[in-house]
Amino acid sequence: MIDENHQGKGYGKTTMKQLIELIESMGCKKIMIGHRPNNLIAGEMYESLGFKKASEEIIDGEIIRLLQLN
């Protein structure tokens, strides 16, 4: 989570890119994440990083996204 006073500066996206690289370097093949449906900014950021909706179904109040790694 990024403090509201520092949101919109690219910190979250930069950190997610680094985290994805780290997870991939550990041999993981996929990453699954969830976010609240009303958090459109998070959804757009995850989509821009390649995460796709795993389903149209809302699970435990969240949209589940999946990123397939190499």
Protein backbone atom coordinates (compact mmCIF):
# COMPACT_ATOMS: atom_id res chain seq x y z
CA MET A 1 0.00 0.00 0.00
CA ILE A 2 1.16 3.49 -0.84
CA ASP A 3 0.29 6.40 1.47
CA GLU A 4 -2.42 8.55 -0.10
CA ASN A 5 -0.08 11.56 -0.13
CA HIS A 6 2.32 9.68 -2.41
CA GLN A 7 -0.10 7.90 -4.75
CA GLY A 8 -0.04 8.58 -8.47
CA LYS A 9 3.75 8.95 -8.60
CA GLY A 10 4.50 5.51 -10.04
CA TYR A 11 5.87 3.97 -6.83
CA GLY A 12 3.38 1.11 -6.78
CA LYS A 13 3.91 0.16 -10.40
CA THR A 14 7.70 0.34 -10.11
CA THR A 15 7.60 -1.82 -6.99
CA MET A 16 5.27 -4.35 -8.62
CA LYS A 17 7.62 -4.65 -11.61
CA GLN A 18 10.52 -5.38 -9.24
CA LEU A 19 8.43 -7.87 -7.28
CA ILE A 20 7.38 -9.66 -10.47
CA GLU A 21 11.04 -9.95 -11.52
CA LEU A 22 11.99 -11.32 -8.10
CA ILE A 23 9.17 -13.86 -8.06
CA GLU A 24 10.01 -14.96 -11.61
CA SER A 25 13.71 -15.35 -10.72
CA MET A 26 12.65 -17.77 -7.98
CA GLY A 27 11.14 -20.07 -10.61
CA CYS A 28 7.48 -19.27 -10.06
CA LYS A 29 5.24 -19.74 -13.09
CA LYS A 30 2.29 -17.54 -12.14
CA ILE A 31 1.18 -14.83 -9.74
CA MET A 32 -2.39 -14.42 -8.53
CA ILE A 33 -3.58 -11.24 -6.86
CA GLY A 34 -6.90 -9.78 -5.82
CA HIS A 35 -8.34 -6.28 -5.56
CA ARG A 36 -11.68 -4.75 -4.70
CA PRO A 37 -13.95 -4.16 -7.71
CA ASN A 38 -14.28 -0.44 -6.92
CA ASN A 39 -10.49 0.03 -6.96
CA LEU A 40 -10.31 0.89 -10.66
CA ILE A 41 -6.82 2.38 -10.40
CA ALA A 42 -5.39 -0.87 -9.02
CA GLY A 43 -7.20 -2.85 -11.73
CA GLU A 44 -5.76 -0.64 -14.46
CA MET A 45 -2.25 -0.88 -13.00
CA TYR A 46 -2.40 -4.69 -12.77
CA GLU A 47 -3.74 -4.91 -16.34
CA SER A 48 -0.89 -2.70 -17.57
CA LEU A 49 1.55 -5.17 -15.99
CA GLY A 50 -0.06 -8.10 -17.83
CA PHE A 51 -2.43 -9.44 -15.17
CA LYS A 52 -5.64 -10.86 -16.66
CA LYS A 53 -8.91 -11.53 -14.88
CA ALA A 54 -8.89 -15.18 -13.78
CA SER A 55 -12.69 -15.17 -13.84
CA GLU A 56 -15.60 -12.78 -14.11
CA GLU A 57 -16.70 -14.04 -10.69
CA ILE A 58 -16.03 -11.91 -7.61
CA ILE A 59 -14.37 -14.12 -4.96
CA ASP A 60 -14.48 -13.03 -1.31
CA GLY A 61 -15.29 -9.51 -2.50
CA GLU A 62 -12.31 -9.28 -4.87
CA ILE A 63 -11.50 -9.52 -8.55
CA ILE A 64 -8.82 -12.19 -8.96
CA ARG A 65 -6.10 -11.58 -11.55
CA LEU A 66 -3.46 -13.91 -12.91
CA LEU A 67 -0.08 -13.23 -14.47
CA GLN A 68 1.58 -16.11 -16.33
CA LEU A 69 5.38 -15.93 -16.09
CA ASN A 70 7.98 -17.37 -18.46
